[in-house]
C-alpha atoms as a PDB file:
ATOM      1  CA  MET A   1     298.363 182.423  61.008  1.00  0.00           C
ATOM      2  CA  PHE A   2     300.203 181.991  57.711  1.00  0.00           C
ATOM      3  CA  LYS A   3     303.327 183.834  56.526  1.00  0.00           C
ATOM      4  CA  ILE A   4     303.189 186.337  53.671  1.00  0.00           C
ATOM      5  CA  VAL A   5     306.380 186.609  51.615  1.00  0.00           C
ATOM      6  CA  THR A   6     307.119 188.889  48.670  1.00  0.00           C
ATOM      7  CA  ASP A   7     310.037 190.237  46.629  1.00  0.00           C
ATOM      8  CA  SER A   8     312.256 193.239  47.241  1.00  0.00           C
ATOM      9  CA  THR A   9     310.674 194.685  44.084  1.00  0.00           C
ATOM     10  CA  ALA A  10     307.467 195.356  46.066  1.00  0.00           C
ATOM     11  CA  ASP A  11     309.331 198.468  47.322  1.00  0.00           C
ATOM     12  CA  LEU A  12     307.558 198.485  50.687  1.00  0.00           C
ATOM     13  CA  PRO A  13     309.202 200.388  53.555  1.00  0.00           C
ATOM     14  CA  LYS A  14     311.413 198.286  55.796  1.00  0.00           C
ATOM     15  CA  GLU A  15     309.425 199.407  58.844  1.00  0.00           C
ATOM     16  CA  TYR A  16     306.170 198.146  57.332  1.00  0.00           C
ATOM     17  CA  MET A  17     307.758 194.794  56.441  1.00  0.00           C
ATOM     18  CA  GLU A  18     309.031 194.338  59.988  1.00  0.00           C
ATOM     19  CA  GLU A  19     305.827 195.503  61.673  1.00  0.00           C
ATOM     20  CA  HIS A  20     303.761 192.926  59.783  1.00  0.00           C
ATOM     21  CA  ASP A  21     306.313 190.089  59.928  1.00  0.00           C
ATOM     22  CA  LEU A  22     306.623 189.870  56.152  1.00  0.00           C
ATOM     23  CA  GLY A  23     309.200 187.673  54.472  1.00  0.00           C
ATOM     24  CA  CYS A  24     311.222 188.971  51.543  1.00  0.00           C
ATOM     25  CA  MET A  25     313.348 187.501  48.780  1.00  0.00           C
ATOM     26  CA  TYR A  26     315.875 189.837  47.210  1.00  0.00           C
ATOM     27  CA  LEU A  27     316.610 190.423  43.568  1.00  0.00           C
ATOM     28  CA  SER A  28     320.055 191.896  42.933  1.00  0.00           C
ATOM     29  CA  CYS A  29     321.355 195.133  41.459  1.00  0.00           C
ATOM     30  CA  ILE A  30     324.905 195.148  40.048  1.00  0.00           C
ATOM     31  CA  ILE A  31     327.023 198.311  39.699  1.00  0.00           C
ATOM     32  CA  ASP A  32     330.681 198.259  38.667  1.00  0.00           C
ATOM     33  CA  GLY A  33     330.870 194.530  39.353  1.00  0.00           C
ATOM     34  CA  VAL A  34     329.514 194.900  42.911  1.00  0.00           C
ATOM     35  CA  THR A  35     326.308 193.002  43.658  1.00  0.00           C
ATOM     36  CA  TYR A  36     323.810 194.635  45.990  1.00  0.00           C
ATOM     37  CA  GLY A  37     321.093 192.489  47.549  1.00  0.00           C
ATOM     38  CA  GLN A  38     319.933 191.090  50.856  1.00  0.00           C
ATOM     39  CA  ASP A  39     323.301 191.169  52.617  1.00  0.00           C
ATOM     40  CA  ASN A  40     324.674 194.252  50.868  1.00  0.00           C
ATOM     41  CA  GLN A  41     321.926 196.813  50.415  1.00  0.00           C
ATOM     42  CA  LEU A  42     322.536 200.112  48.651  1.00  0.00           C
ATOM     43  CA  PRO A  43     320.498 203.053  50.025  1.00  0.00           C
ATOM     44  CA  GLU A  44     318.162 204.390  47.355  1.00  0.00           C
ATOM     45  CA  LYS A  45     319.394 207.986  47.702  1.00  0.00           C
ATOM     46  CA  GLU A  46     322.956 206.821  47.061  1.00  0.00           C
ATOM     47  CA  PHE A  47     321.837 204.572  44.202  1.00  0.00           C
ATOM     48  CA  TYR A  48     320.075 207.379  42.337  1.00  0.00           C
ATOM     49  CA  GLY A  49     323.019 209.666  43.011  1.00  0.00           C
ATOM     50  CA  LEU A  50     325.317 207.198  41.258  1.00  0.00           C
ATOM     51  CA  MET A  51     323.028 207.181  38.214  1.00  0.00           C
ATOM     52  CA  ARG A  52     322.458 210.927  38.153  1.00  0.00           C
ATOM     53  CA  ASN A  53     325.875 212.255  39.038  1.00  0.00           C
ATOM     54  CA  GLU A  54     328.258 209.551  37.843  1.00  0.00           C
ATOM     55  CA  GLY A  55     326.311 208.082  34.946  1.00  0.00           C
ATOM     56  CA  LYS A  56     326.351 204.568  36.399  1.00  0.00           C
ATOM     57  CA  MET A  57     324.312 202.018  34.449  1.00  0.00           C
ATOM     58  CA  PRO A  58     323.224 199.233  36.821  1.00  0.00           C
ATOM     59  CA  THR A  59     322.110 195.784  35.755  1.00  0.00           C
ATOM     60  CA  THR A  60     319.855 193.403  37.675  1.00  0.00           C
ATOM     61  CA  SER A  61     319.601 189.720  38.485  1.00  0.00           C
ATOM     62  CA  GLN A  62     316.511 187.660  39.317  1.00  0.00           C
ATOM     63  CA  ILE A  63     316.091 185.132  42.121  1.00  0.00           C
ATOM     64  CA  ASN A  64     317.042 181.585  41.102  1.00  0.00           C
ATOM     65  CA  PRO A  65     315.259 178.415  42.301  1.00  0.00           C
ATOM     66  CA  GLU A  66     318.093 177.463  44.702  1.00  0.00           C
ATOM     67  CA  GLU A  67     317.946 180.851  46.433  1.00  0.00           C
ATOM     68  CA  ALA A  68     314.168 180.668  46.651  1.00  0.00           C
ATOM     69  CA  LYS A  69     314.250 177.168  48.116  1.00  0.00           C
ATOM     70  CA  ALA A  70     316.791 178.149  50.768  1.00  0.00           C
ATOM     71  CA  ALA A  71     314.689 181.165  51.763  1.00  0.00           C
ATOM     72  CA  PHE A  72     311.507 179.087  51.967  1.00  0.00           C
ATOM     73  CA  GLU A  73     313.247 176.504  54.156  1.00  0.00           C
ATOM     74  CA  LYS A  74     314.157 179.258  56.594  1.00  0.00           C
ATOM     75  CA  TYR A  75     310.556 180.502  56.781  1.00  0.00           C
ATOM     76  CA  LEU A  76     309.191 176.955  57.125  1.00  0.00           C
ATOM     77  CA  GLU A  77     311.109 176.493  60.376  1.00  0.00           C
ATOM     78  CA  LYS A  78     308.395 178.645  61.957  1.00  0.00           C
ATOM     79  CA  ASP A  79     305.441 178.776  59.535  1.00  0.00           C
ATOM     80  CA  LYS A  80     304.031 175.756  57.699  1.00  0.00           C
ATOM     81  CA  GLU A  81     301.759 177.829  55.446  1.00  0.00           C
ATOM     82  CA  ILE A  82     303.118 180.546  53.148  1.00  0.00           C
ATOM     83  CA  LEU A  83     301.516 182.905  50.645  1.00  0.00           C
ATOM     84  CA  TYR A  84     304.091 184.234  48.185  1.00  0.00           C
ATOM     85  CA  LEU A  85     303.138 187.309  46.146  1.00  0.00           C
ATOM     86  CA  ALA A  86     305.604 187.494  43.277  1.00  0.00           C
ATOM     87  CA  PHE A  87     306.977 190.200  40.974  1.00  0.00           C
ATOM     88  CA  SER A  88     305.339 190.194  37.536  1.00  0.00           C
ATOM     89  CA  SER A  89     306.309 187.255  35.319  1.00  0.00           C
ATOM     90  CA  GLY A  90     306.096 189.731  32.432  1.00  0.00           C
ATOM     91  CA  LEU A  91     309.135 191.556  33.805  1.00  0.00           C
ATOM     92  CA  SER A  92     311.239 188.871  35.511  1.00  0.00           C
ATOM     93  CA  GLY A  93     311.798 185.122  35.744  1.00  0.00           C
ATOM     94  CA  THR A  94     311.600 185.362  39.550  1.00  0.00           C
ATOM     95  CA  TYR A  95     308.005 184.093  39.730  1.00  0.00           C
ATOM     96  CA  ASN A  96     308.941 180.921  37.865  1.00  0.00           C
ATOM     97  CA  SER A  97     311.980 180.321  40.105  1.00  0.00           C
ATOM     98  CA  VAL A  98     309.865 180.700  43.234  1.00  0.00           C
ATOM     99  CA  ARG A  99     307.130 178.439  41.833  1.00  0.00           C
ATOM    100  CA  ILE A 100     309.664 175.680  41.074  1.00  0.00           C
ATOM    101  CA  ALA A 101     311.155 175.964  44.570  1.00  0.00           C
ATOM    102  CA  ALA A 102     307.718 175.813  46.211  1.00  0.00           C
ATOM    103  CA  GLU A 103     306.685 172.725  44.238  1.00  0.00           C
ATOM    104  CA  GLU A 104     309.913 170.903  45.130  1.00  0.00           C
ATOM    105  CA  LEU A 105     309.544 171.712  48.812  1.00  0.00           C
ATOM    106  CA  MET A 106     305.908 170.600  48.988  1.00  0.00           C
ATOM    107  CA  GLU A 107     306.911 167.265  47.434  1.00  0.00           C
ATOM    108  CA  GLU A 108     309.703 166.851  49.971  1.00  0.00           C
ATOM    109  CA  ARG A 109     307.683 168.137  52.940  1.00  0.00           C
ATOM    110  CA  PRO A 110     304.006 167.121  52.895  1.00  0.00           C
ATOM    111  CA  ASP A 111     303.497 169.037  56.167  1.00  0.00           C
ATOM    112  CA  CYS A 112     303.928 172.399  54.455  1.00  0.00           C
ATOM    113  CA  ARG A 113     301.798 174.396  52.034  1.00  0.00           C
ATOM    114  CA  ILE A 114     303.029 177.225  49.800  1.00  0.00           C
ATOM    115  CA  ILE A 115     300.795 179.202  47.442  1.00  0.00           C
ATOM    116  CA  VAL A 116     302.692 181.284  44.872  1.00  0.00           C
ATOM    117  CA  ILE A 117     300.778 183.981  42.968  1.00  0.00           C
ATOM    118  CA  ASP A 118     302.087 185.955  40.009  1.00  0.00           C
ATOM    119  CA  THR A 119     300.839 189.449  40.864  1.00  0.00           C
ATOM    120  CA  LEU A 120     301.517 190.696  37.326  1.00  0.00           C
ATOM    121  CA  ALA A 121     302.551 193.833  39.215  1.00  0.00           C
ATOM    122  CA  ALA A 122     305.682 195.821  40.031  1.00  0.00           C
ATOM    123  CA  SER A 123     307.033 198.252  42.627  1.00  0.00           C
ATOM    124  CA  LEU A 124     304.371 199.563  44.999  1.00  0.00           C
ATOM    125  CA  GLY A 125     301.735 197.971  42.742  1.00  0.00           C
ATOM    126  CA  GLU A 126     303.006 194.617  43.978  1.00  0.00           C
ATOM    127  CA  GLY A 127     303.302 196.324  47.371  1.00  0.00           C
ATOM    128  CA  LEU A 128     299.654 197.425  47.373  1.00  0.00           C
ATOM    129  CA  LEU A 129     298.505 193.839  46.764  1.00  0.00           C
ATOM    130  CA  VAL A 130     300.729 192.750  49.667  1.00  0.00           C
ATOM    131  CA  TYR A 131     299.182 195.509  51.812  1.00  0.00           C
ATOM    132  CA  LYS A 132     295.654 194.307  50.986  1.00  0.00           C
ATOM    133  CA  ALA A 133     296.632 190.678  51.691  1.00  0.00           C
ATOM    134  CA  VAL A 134     298.136 191.635  55.060  1.00  0.00           C
ATOM    135  CA  ALA A 135     294.940 193.474  56.052  1.00  0.00           C
ATOM    136  CA  LEU A 136     292.841 190.415  55.191  1.00  0.00           C
ATOM    137  CA  ARG A 137     295.191 188.039  57.030  1.00  0.00           C
ATOM    138  CA  ASP A 138     295.212 190.274  60.095  1.00  0.00           C
ATOM    139  CA  ALA A 139     291.399 190.360  59.996  1.00  0.00           C
ATOM    140  CA  GLY A 140     291.420 186.577  60.402  1.00  0.00           C
ATOM    141  CA  LYS A 141     291.044 185.376  56.820  1.00  0.00           C
ATOM    142  CA  SER A 142     292.572 182.003  55.937  1.00  0.00           C
ATOM    143  CA  LEU A 143     295.387 181.352  53.472  1.00  0.00           C
ATOM    144  CA  ASP A 144     292.899 180.214  50.818  1.00  0.00           C
ATOM    145  CA  GLU A 145     290.572 183.161  51.383  1.00  0.00           C
ATOM    146  CA  VAL A 146     293.385 185.680  50.995  1.00  0.00           C
ATOM    147  CA  ALA A 147     294.868 183.887  47.977  1.00  0.00           C
ATOM    148  CA  ASP A 148     291.433 183.844  46.308  1.00  0.00           C
ATOM    149  CA  TRP A 149     290.983 187.578  46.941  1.00  0.00           C
ATOM    150  CA  VAL A 150     294.372 188.379  45.411  1.00  0.00           C
ATOM    151  CA  ARG A 151     293.694 186.251  42.323  1.00  0.00           C
ATOM    152  CA  GLU A 152     290.258 187.843  41.846  1.00  0.00           C
ATOM    153  CA  ASN A 153     291.500 191.413  42.275  1.00  0.00           C
ATOM    154  CA  LEU A 154     295.027 191.578  40.864  1.00  0.00           C
ATOM    155  CA  LEU A 155     293.834 192.830  37.482  1.00  0.00           C
ATOM    156  CA  HIS A 156     292.053 195.660  39.309  1.00  0.00           C
ATOM    157  CA  LEU A 157     295.425 196.826  40.637  1.00  0.00           C
ATOM    158  CA  THR A 158     296.185 199.738  38.341  1.00  0.00           C
ATOM    159  CA  HIS A 159     299.666 201.100  37.618  1.00  0.00           C
ATOM    160  CA  VAL A 160     300.451 204.309  35.790  1.00  0.00           C
ATOM    161  CA  PHE A 161     303.832 206.021  35.696  1.00  0.00           C
ATOM    162  CA  THR A 162     306.052 208.484  33.921  1.00  0.00           C
ATOM    163  CA  VAL A 163     309.812 208.841  33.645  1.00  0.00           C
ATOM    164  CA  ASP A 164     311.970 211.939  33.502  1.00  0.00           C
ATOM    165  CA  ASP A 165     314.561 210.515  31.103  1.00  0.00           C
ATOM    166  CA  LEU A 166     313.636 208.261  28.171  1.00  0.00           C
ATOM    167  CA  PHE A 167     317.178 206.900  27.889  1.00  0.00           C
ATOM    168  CA  HIS A 168     316.659 204.259  30.584  1.00  0.00           C
ATOM    169  CA  LEU A 169     313.537 202.950  28.831  1.00  0.00           C
ATOM    170  CA  TYR A 170     315.523 202.815  25.590  1.00  0.00           C
ATOM    171  CA  ARG A 171     318.263 200.840  27.341  1.00  0.00           C
ATOM    172  CA  GLY A 172     315.636 198.333  28.479  1.00  0.00           C
ATOM    173  CA  GLY A 173     314.143 198.047  25.001  1.00  0.00           C
ATOM    174  CA  ARG A 174     310.921 199.909  25.878  1.00  0.00           C
ATOM    175  CA  VAL A 175     311.349 202.751  23.362  1.00  0.00           C
ATOM    176  CA  SER A 176     313.460 203.180  20.237  1.00  0.00           C
ATOM    177  CA  LYS A 177     316.693 205.174  20.234  1.00  0.00           C
ATOM    178  CA  SER A 178     315.223 207.796  17.915  1.00  0.00           C
ATOM    179  CA  ALA A 179     312.162 208.200  20.176  1.00  0.00           C
ATOM    180  CA  ALA A 180     314.423 208.575  23.206  1.00  0.00           C
ATOM    181  CA  VAL A 181     316.628 211.203  21.543  1.00  0.00           C
ATOM    182  CA  LEU A 182     313.766 213.176  20.008  1.00  0.00           C
ATOM    183  CA  GLY A 183     311.619 212.928  23.128  1.00  0.00           C
ATOM    184  CA  THR A 184     314.444 214.232  25.295  1.00  0.00           C
ATOM    185  CA  LEU A 185     315.105 217.160  22.945  1.00  0.00           C
ATOM    186  CA  VAL A 186     311.484 218.353  22.882  1.00  0.00           C
ATOM    187  CA  GLY A 187     310.615 217.517  26.504  1.00  0.00           C
ATOM    188  CA  ILE A 188     308.294 214.596  25.761  1.00  0.00           C
ATOM    189  CA  LYS A 189     307.383 212.527  28.830  1.00  0.00           C
ATOM    190  CA  PRO A 190     305.842 209.083  28.324  1.00  0.00           C
ATOM    191  CA  LYS A 191     302.834 207.762  30.215  1.00  0.00           C
ATOM    192  CA  LEU A 192     303.123 204.011  30.772  1.00  0.00           C
ATOM    193  CA  HIS A 193     301.318 201.265  32.633  1.00  0.00           C
ATOM    194  CA  VAL A 194     301.578 197.550  33.428  1.00  0.00           C
ATOM    195  CA  ASP A 195     299.042 195.573  31.383  1.00  0.00           C
ATOM    196  CA  ASN A 196     297.054 192.400  32.105  1.00  0.00           C
ATOM    197  CA  GLU A 197     300.052 190.242  31.130  1.00  0.00           C
ATOM    198  CA  GLY A 198     302.336 192.164  33.485  1.00  0.00           C
ATOM    199  CA  HIS A 199     304.292 193.952  30.740  1.00  0.00           C
ATOM    200  CA  LEU A 200     305.271 197.621  30.564  1.00  0.00           C
ATOM    201  CA  ILE A 201     303.203 199.308  27.869  1.00  0.00           C
ATOM    202  CA  MET A 202     303.307 202.872  26.545  1.00  0.00           C
ATOM    203  CA  LEU A 203     299.922 204.597  26.918  1.00  0.00           C
ATOM    204  CA  GLY A 204     300.815 207.945  25.436  1.00  0.00           C
ATOM    205  CA  LYS A 205     303.118 210.951  25.561  1.00  0.00           C
ATOM    206  CA  VAL A 206     302.797 214.320  27.230  1.00  0.00           C
ATOM    207  CA  ARG A 207     304.915 217.410  26.652  1.00  0.00           C
ATOM    208  CA  GLY A 208     306.338 218.753  29.901  1.00  0.00           C
ATOM    209  CA  ARG A 209     306.993 217.283  33.330  1.00  0.00           C
ATOM    210  CA  LYS A 210     304.118 218.926  35.229  1.00  0.00           C
ATOM    211  CA  LYS A 211     301.610 217.863  32.583  1.00  0.00           C
ATOM    212  CA  SER A 212     302.920 214.284  32.742  1.00  0.00           C
ATOM    213  CA  LEU A 213     302.319 214.213  36.511  1.00  0.00           C
ATOM    214  CA  THR A 214     298.790 215.578  36.123  1.00  0.00           C
ATOM    215  CA  ALA A 215     298.190 212.932  33.435  1.00  0.00           C
ATOM    216  CA  LEU A 216     298.763 210.233  36.075  1.00  0.00           C
ATOM    217  CA  VAL A 217     295.931 211.646  38.175  1.00  0.00           C
ATOM    218  CA  ASP A 218     293.726 211.985  35.082  1.00  0.00           C
ATOM    219  CA  TYR A 219     294.296 208.274  34.429  1.00  0.00           C
ATOM    220  CA  MET A 220     293.262 207.479  37.994  1.00  0.00           C
ATOM    221  CA  GLU A 221     290.021 209.405  37.508  1.00  0.00           C
ATOM    222  CA  GLU A 222     289.376 207.521  34.274  1.00  0.00           C
ATOM    223  CA  LYS A 223     290.057 204.047  35.705  1.00  0.00           C
ATOM    224  CA  MET A 224     288.712 204.113  39.286  1.00  0.00           C
ATOM    225  CA  GLY A 225     285.035 203.898  38.398  1.00  0.00           C
ATOM    226  CA  SER A 226     283.072 201.721  40.814  1.00  0.00           C
ATOM    227  CA  TYR A 227     286.300 200.838  42.672  1.00  0.00           C
ATOM    228  CA  ARG A 228     286.612 204.336  44.096  1.00  0.00           C
ATOM    229  CA  ASP A 229     285.535 203.141  47.574  1.00  0.00           C
ATOM    230  CA  GLN A 230     288.336 200.523  47.595  1.00  0.00           C
ATOM    231  CA  ASN A 231     290.939 203.286  47.545  1.00  0.00           C
ATOM    232  CA  ASP A 232     291.141 203.863  51.279  1.00  0.00           C
ATOM    233  CA  ILE A 233     294.873 204.283  50.623  1.00  0.00           C
ATOM    234  CA  VAL A 234     296.869 205.152  47.495  1.00  0.00           C
ATOM    235  CA  PHE A 235     300.518 204.213  46.890  1.00  0.00           C
ATOM    236  CA  ILE A 236     303.050 206.424  45.078  1.00  0.00           C
ATOM    237  CA  SER A 237     306.669 205.511  44.368  1.00  0.00           C
ATOM    238  CA  HIS A 238     309.431 207.741  43.055  1.00  0.00           C
ATOM    239  CA  GLY A 239     313.005 207.696  41.796  1.00  0.00           C
ATOM    240  CA  ASP A 240     314.454 210.229  44.237  1.00  0.00           C
ATOM    241  CA  ALA A 241     311.791 212.796  43.313  1.00  0.00           C
ATOM    242  CA  LEU A 242     309.823 213.194  46.534  1.00  0.00           C
ATOM    243  CA  GLU A 243     308.598 216.705  45.775  1.00  0.00           C
ATOM    244  CA  GLU A 244     306.957 215.536  42.549  1.00  0.00           C
ATOM    245  CA  ALA A 245     305.468 212.486  44.281  1.00  0.00           C
ATOM    246  CA  GLU A 246     303.936 214.902  46.795  1.00  0.00           C
ATOM    247  CA  PHE A 247     302.599 217.033  43.920  1.00  0.00           C
ATOM    248  CA  VAL A 248     300.728 213.940  42.644  1.00  0.00           C
ATOM    249  CA  ARG A 249     299.519 213.182  46.180  1.00  0.00           C
ATOM    250  CA  ASP A 250     298.182 216.711  46.618  1.00  0.00           C
ATOM    251  CA  GLN A 251     296.286 216.561  43.313  1.00  0.00           C
ATOM    252  CA  ILE A 252     294.663 213.275  44.364  1.00  0.00           C
ATOM    253  CA  LYS A 253     293.684 214.764  47.732  1.00  0.00           C
ATOM    254  CA  GLU A 254     292.134 217.783  46.044  1.00  0.00           C
ATOM    255  CA  ARG A 255     290.282 215.906  43.314  1.00  0.00           C
ATOM    256  CA  PHE A 256     289.120 212.762  45.086  1.00  0.00           C
ATOM    257  CA  GLY A 257     289.187 213.572  48.797  1.00  0.00           C
ATOM    258  CA  ILE A 258     291.538 210.664  49.527  1.00  0.00           C
ATOM    259  CA  ASP A 259     293.812 211.429  52.454  1.00  0.00           C
ATOM    260  CA  SER A 260     295.753 208.217  53.142  1.00  0.00           C
ATOM    261  CA  PHE A 261     298.933 207.589  51.156  1.00  0.00           C
ATOM    262  CA  LEU A 262     302.089 205.520  51.237  1.00  0.00           C
ATOM    263  CA  ILE A 263     304.993 207.183  49.411  1.00  0.00           C
ATOM    264  CA  ASN A 264     308.313 205.387  49.020  1.00  0.00           C
ATOM    265  CA  TYR A 265     311.299 205.052  46.707  1.00  0.00           C
ATOM    266  CA  VAL A 266     311.262 202.937  43.582  1.00  0.00           C
ATOM    267  CA  GLY A 267     313.872 200.430  44.727  1.00  0.00           C
ATOM    268  CA  THR A 268     317.217 199.734  43.117  1.00  0.00           C
ATOM    269  CA  VAL A 269     316.068 196.802  40.958  1.00  0.00           C
ATOM    270  CA  ILE A 270     313.189 198.524  39.187  1.00  0.00           C
ATOM    271  CA  GLY A 271     314.982 201.871  39.377  1.00  0.00           C
ATOM    272  CA  SER A 272     317.819 200.363  37.318  1.00  0.00           C
ATOM    273  CA  HIS A 273     315.397 200.239  34.384  1.00  0.00           C
ATOM    274  CA  THR A 274     313.359 203.409  34.959  1.00  0.00           C
ATOM    275  CA  GLY A 275     316.101 205.770  36.140  1.00  0.00           C
ATOM    276  CA  PRO A 276     316.006 208.786  38.434  1.00  0.00           C
ATOM    277  CA  GLY A 277     312.849 210.892  38.393  1.00  0.00           C
ATOM    278  CA  VAL A 278     310.325 208.115  37.764  1.00  0.00           C
ATOM    279  CA  ILE A 279     306.931 208.763  39.397  1.00  0.00           C
ATOM    280  CA  ALA A 280     304.481 205.862  39.690  1.00  0.00           C
ATOM    281  CA  LEU A 281     300.894 205.818  40.972  1.00  0.00           C
ATOM    282  CA  PHE A 282     299.040 202.700  42.165  1.00  0.00           C
ATOM    283  CA  PHE A 283     295.359 202.332  42.999  1.00  0.00           C
ATOM    284  CA  MET A 284     292.380 199.998  42.638  1.00  0.00           C
ATOM    285  CA  GLY A 285     290.362 200.454  39.448  1.00  0.00           C
ATOM    286  CA  GLU A 286     287.777 198.765  37.249  1.00  0.00           C
ATOM    287  CA  GLU A 287     290.565 197.646  34.926  1.00  0.00           C
ATOM    288  CA  ARG A 288     294.270 198.201  34.388  1.00  0.00           C
END
């Protein structure tokens, strides 16, 4: 059986990662000159508290090729075949670093095989593709069969999300300063998604928090189409806003009869750019 490895930006629960023997490479979050990553992890609740209550503005750092190579070498001690599902190249240089490391290692070690796929996805969107890959692997599919499925289906992995505070999107260059100020004053909440190139794109704006959450479910209804049966489970991530994530879950249960969900925090790396209160919904659809 081959090893599946992903990034910390997949935002999967630690228990799930351990249960399915998943490998992970860690991007870093930096606050007040302190770097948090694999060996120094900051609990999400504490992280969002620092942003909310103390106004901390974290920055992030991608994985470099040297770090990726060292991590691969560790995994190759046990597994000679690896499938790496990477954070969107439209949002980070991590995919390229991992690809370079994999190519170098396969030249040096002809006995190993590493397939690196750019998921063009983020947070539990990346996590949902990992989940699907794990299910296929555990059902006995080969490395090539699982890699082919991921490549064929990654653009059917649909993201839609909203944020509570436009300032963090402004800081990341996603909205203008005037839009952030005006939107905050009048209670405008953006609806965004990740497009086919893996970039964050504004879909529209909704006035009011509750309406913005309902708009996520409306988008799911619009996009599921013939892929409705593939949604045996739906993923929802949140920026320390569990009650609102559960509100979205309950609407999906009521409208579509889906009753299996994975809800988890938006991790510190992506949360650095979306801020507290982000709610993101991930499902399989006809298109992104």
